[in-house]
Amino acid sequence: MGTEKSRYSDQELQEFKELIQRKLQEAQEDYVLLRGSLSNSDNHGTDDTGRSFNMMEDGSETLSREEVAQLASRQEKFIQSLQSALVRIENKTYGVCRVTGKLIRKERLMLVPHATLSIEAKNAQDS
């Protein structure tokens, strides 16, 4: 049996870092739109040409302020999770399951880059 890796390589960590930074930028843009919708400060001028604007334009008319506030709160939590993932990359602990201590599968991290649990640990927690 081969030796199991205890952490991702620096090159792999750099790939994850780039992915997380892209997702973080998108999340922050979405968060600004949500907050703007709450404060009615968006002027529907040239500032609203971002990729998320159509979603906000369509959704903000039907969502109540409370629902928008809830979305903004969830988005803020997502941003914090992504920022924490960047810290783990810098500490070279990124991708290690906090329950089992084993590496989280790369496929899972590509889909959920802020994950701190392996699928096995997550399923055990949900049981």
C-alpha atoms as a PDB file:
ATOM      1  CA  MET A   1       0.000   0.000   0.000  1.00  0.00           C
ATOM      2  CA  GLY A   2       1.238   3.469  -0.878  1.00  0.00           C
ATOM      3  CA  THR A   3       1.818   6.196   1.630  1.00  0.00           C
ATOM      4  CA  GLU A   4      -1.173   8.480   2.001  1.00  0.00           C
ATOM      5  CA  LYS A   5      -0.491  12.182   1.504  1.00  0.00           C
ATOM      6  CA  SER A   6      -0.896  14.274   4.630  1.00  0.00           C
ATOM      7  CA  ARG A   7      -1.369  17.566   2.768  1.00  0.00           C
ATOM      8  CA  TYR A   8      -1.751  19.026  -0.704  1.00  0.00           C
ATOM      9  CA  SER A   9       1.367  20.156  -2.572  1.00  0.00           C
ATOM     10  CA  ASP A  10       2.218  23.847  -2.841  1.00  0.00           C
ATOM     11  CA  GLN A  11       1.211  23.717  -6.515  1.00  0.00           C
ATOM     12  CA  GLU A  12      -2.173  22.189  -5.640  1.00  0.00           C
ATOM     13  CA  LEU A  13      -2.653  24.757  -2.868  1.00  0.00           C
ATOM     14  CA  GLN A  14      -1.974  27.516  -5.397  1.00  0.00           C
ATOM     15  CA  GLU A  15      -4.681  26.082  -7.682  1.00  0.00           C
ATOM     16  CA  PHE A  16      -7.151  26.062  -4.801  1.00  0.00           C
ATOM     17  CA  LYS A  17      -6.107  29.585  -3.829  1.00  0.00           C
ATOM     18  CA  GLU A  18      -6.862  30.888  -7.330  1.00  0.00           C
ATOM     19  CA  LEU A  19     -10.241  29.112  -7.348  1.00  0.00           C
ATOM     20  CA  ILE A  20     -11.145  30.511  -3.931  1.00  0.00           C
ATOM     21  CA  GLN A  21     -10.048  34.028  -4.857  1.00  0.00           C
ATOM     22  CA  ARG A  22     -12.320  33.938  -7.930  1.00  0.00           C
ATOM     23  CA  LYS A  23     -15.255  32.654  -5.878  1.00  0.00           C
ATOM     24  CA  LEU A  24     -14.538  35.244  -3.182  1.00  0.00           C
ATOM     25  CA  GLN A  25     -14.588  38.093  -5.687  1.00  0.00           C
ATOM     26  CA  GLU A  26     -17.906  36.884  -7.137  1.00  0.00           C
ATOM     27  CA  ALA A  27     -19.369  36.429  -3.647  1.00  0.00           C
ATOM     28  CA  GLN A  28     -18.308  39.925  -2.612  1.00  0.00           C
ATOM     29  CA  GLU A  29     -19.864  41.421  -5.753  1.00  0.00           C
ATOM     30  CA  ASP A  30     -23.109  39.565  -5.048  1.00  0.00           C
ATOM     31  CA  TYR A  31     -23.007  40.706  -1.419  1.00  0.00           C
ATOM     32  CA  VAL A  32     -22.622  44.360  -2.473  1.00  0.00           C
ATOM     33  CA  LEU A  33     -25.658  43.985  -4.753  1.00  0.00           C
ATOM     34  CA  LEU A  34     -27.707  42.409  -1.971  1.00  0.00           C
ATOM     35  CA  ARG A  35     -26.724  45.124   0.512  1.00  0.00           C
ATOM     36  CA  GLY A  36     -27.457  47.779  -2.105  1.00  0.00           C
ATOM     37  CA  SER A  37     -30.879  46.298  -2.654  1.00  0.00           C
ATOM     38  CA  LEU A  38     -31.552  46.479   1.071  1.00  0.00           C
ATOM     39  CA  SER A  39     -30.483  50.097   1.393  1.00  0.00           C
ATOM     40  CA  ASN A  40     -32.059  51.105  -1.941  1.00  0.00           C
ATOM     41  CA  SER A  41     -28.788  52.767  -2.827  1.00  0.00           C
ATOM     42  CA  ASP A  42     -28.386  51.093  -6.204  1.00  0.00           C
ATOM     43  CA  ASN A  43     -29.145  53.677  -8.840  1.00  0.00           C
ATOM     44  CA  HIS A  44     -29.814  51.273 -11.736  1.00  0.00           C
ATOM     45  CA  GLY A  45     -27.322  53.288 -13.748  1.00  0.00           C
ATOM     46  CA  THR A  46     -24.025  51.982 -15.015  1.00  0.00           C
ATOM     47  CA  ASP A  47     -23.107  50.335 -11.719  1.00  0.00           C
ATOM     48  CA  ASP A  48     -25.604  47.532 -12.197  1.00  0.00           C
ATOM     49  CA  THR A  49     -24.153  45.914 -15.291  1.00  0.00           C
ATOM     50  CA  GLY A  50     -22.531  43.025 -13.370  1.00  0.00           C
ATOM     51  CA  ARG A  51     -23.320  39.381 -14.067  1.00  0.00           C
ATOM     52  CA  SER A  52     -25.553  39.164 -11.001  1.00  0.00           C
ATOM     53  CA  PHE A  53     -27.648  42.198 -11.800  1.00  0.00           C
ATOM     54  CA  ASN A  54     -30.301  40.377 -13.810  1.00  0.00           C
ATOM     55  CA  MET A  55     -30.771  37.933 -10.952  1.00  0.00           C
ATOM     56  CA  MET A  56     -31.119  40.840  -8.540  1.00  0.00           C
ATOM     57  CA  GLU A  57     -33.433  42.807 -10.820  1.00  0.00           C
ATOM     58  CA  ASP A  58     -35.765  39.850 -11.280  1.00  0.00           C
ATOM     59  CA  GLY A  59     -35.527  38.646  -7.709  1.00  0.00           C
ATOM     60  CA  SER A  60     -35.560  41.871  -5.758  1.00  0.00           C
ATOM     61  CA  GLU A  61     -39.051  42.734  -6.983  1.00  0.00           C
ATOM     62  CA  THR A  62     -40.487  39.523  -5.573  1.00  0.00           C
ATOM     63  CA  LEU A  63     -38.341  38.983  -2.512  1.00  0.00           C
ATOM     64  CA  SER A  64     -39.244  40.743   0.677  1.00  0.00           C
ATOM     65  CA  ARG A  65     -36.620  42.834   2.433  1.00  0.00           C
ATOM     66  CA  GLU A  66     -36.408  40.109   5.072  1.00  0.00           C
ATOM     67  CA  GLU A  67     -35.555  37.463   2.494  1.00  0.00           C
ATOM     68  CA  VAL A  68     -32.940  39.732   0.918  1.00  0.00           C
ATOM     69  CA  ALA A  69     -31.457  40.363   4.370  1.00  0.00           C
ATOM     70  CA  GLN A  70     -31.319  36.609   4.944  1.00  0.00           C
ATOM     71  CA  LEU A  71     -29.572  36.092   1.594  1.00  0.00           C
ATOM     72  CA  ALA A  72     -27.079  38.850   2.453  1.00  0.00           C
ATOM     73  CA  SER A  73     -26.382  37.192   5.795  1.00  0.00           C
ATOM     74  CA  ARG A  74     -25.791  33.818   4.140  1.00  0.00           C
ATOM     75  CA  GLN A  75     -23.543  35.459   1.551  1.00  0.00           C
ATOM     76  CA  GLU A  76     -21.538  37.143   4.314  1.00  0.00           C
ATOM     77  CA  LYS A  77     -21.068  33.768   6.045  1.00  0.00           C
ATOM     78  CA  PHE A  78     -19.950  32.232   2.720  1.00  0.00           C
ATOM     79  CA  ILE A  79     -17.394  35.041   2.275  1.00  0.00           C
ATOM     80  CA  GLN A  80     -16.046  34.413   5.780  1.00  0.00           C
ATOM     81  CA  SER A  81     -15.761  30.681   5.015  1.00  0.00           C
ATOM     82  CA  LEU A  82     -13.807  31.411   1.837  1.00  0.00           C
ATOM     83  CA  GLN A  83     -11.513  33.801   3.723  1.00  0.00           C
ATOM     84  CA  SER A  84     -10.911  31.120   6.359  1.00  0.00           C
ATOM     85  CA  ALA A  85     -10.028  28.679   3.569  1.00  0.00           C
ATOM     86  CA  LEU A  86      -7.395  31.146   2.309  1.00  0.00           C
ATOM     87  CA  VAL A  87      -5.895  31.258   5.818  1.00  0.00           C
ATOM     88  CA  ARG A  88      -5.743  27.443   5.856  1.00  0.00           C
ATOM     89  CA  ILE A  89      -3.950  27.541   2.503  1.00  0.00           C
ATOM     90  CA  GLU A  90      -1.356  29.934   3.937  1.00  0.00           C
ATOM     91  CA  ASN A  91      -0.960  27.616   6.960  1.00  0.00           C
ATOM     92  CA  LYS A  92      -0.733  24.605   4.606  1.00  0.00           C
ATOM     93  CA  THR A  93      -3.581  22.904   6.480  1.00  0.00           C
ATOM     94  CA  TYR A  94      -6.116  23.390   3.671  1.00  0.00           C
ATOM     95  CA  GLY A  95      -7.962  20.281   2.563  1.00  0.00           C
ATOM     96  CA  VAL A  96      -7.395  18.321   5.772  1.00  0.00           C
ATOM     97  CA  CYS A  97     -10.602  17.045   7.360  1.00  0.00           C
ATOM     98  CA  ARG A  98     -10.983  18.529  10.827  1.00  0.00           C
ATOM     99  CA  VAL A  99     -12.558  15.289  12.109  1.00  0.00           C
ATOM    100  CA  THR A 100     -10.572  12.482  10.478  1.00  0.00           C
ATOM    101  CA  GLY A 101      -7.307  14.325   9.806  1.00  0.00           C
ATOM    102  CA  LYS A 102      -7.246  12.816   6.319  1.00  0.00           C
ATOM    103  CA  LEU A 103      -7.182  14.742   3.060  1.00  0.00           C
ATOM    104  CA  ILE A 104     -10.535  15.811   1.691  1.00  0.00           C
ATOM    105  CA  ARG A 105     -10.914  14.576  -1.889  1.00  0.00           C
ATOM    106  CA  LYS A 106      -9.841  17.119  -4.479  1.00  0.00           C
ATOM    107  CA  GLU A 107     -13.146  16.742  -6.363  1.00  0.00           C
ATOM    108  CA  ARG A 108     -15.063  17.795  -3.248  1.00  0.00           C
ATOM    109  CA  LEU A 109     -12.824  20.805  -2.699  1.00  0.00           C
ATOM    110  CA  MET A 110     -13.272  21.922  -6.305  1.00  0.00           C
ATOM    111  CA  LEU A 111     -17.059  21.951  -5.748  1.00  0.00           C
ATOM    112  CA  VAL A 112     -17.035  23.172  -2.140  1.00  0.00           C
ATOM    113  CA  PRO A 113     -13.676  24.952  -1.730  1.00  0.00           C
ATOM    114  CA  HIS A 114     -14.440  26.053   1.836  1.00  0.00           C
ATOM    115  CA  ALA A 115     -15.170  22.483   3.034  1.00  0.00           C
ATOM    116  CA  THR A 116     -13.530  21.433   6.299  1.00  0.00           C
ATOM    117  CA  LEU A 117     -15.036  17.941   6.442  1.00  0.00           C
ATOM    118  CA  SER A 118     -14.575  14.919   4.213  1.00  0.00           C
ATOM    119  CA  ILE A 119     -17.719  13.322   2.788  1.00  0.00           C
ATOM    120  CA  GLU A 120     -17.378  10.489   5.327  1.00  0.00           C
ATOM    121  CA  ALA A 121     -17.164  12.911   8.271  1.00  0.00           C
ATOM    122  CA  LYS A 122     -20.013  15.037   6.887  1.00  0.00           C
ATOM    123  CA  ASN A 123     -22.267  11.990   6.452  1.00  0.00           C
ATOM    124  CA  ALA A 124     -21.432  10.772   9.971  1.00  0.00           C
ATOM    125  CA  GLN A 125     -22.270  14.216  11.351  1.00  0.00           C
ATOM    126  CA  ASP A 126     -25.622  14.294   9.530  1.00  0.00           C
ATOM    127  CA  SER A 127     -26.603  10.844  10.824  1.00  0.00           C
END
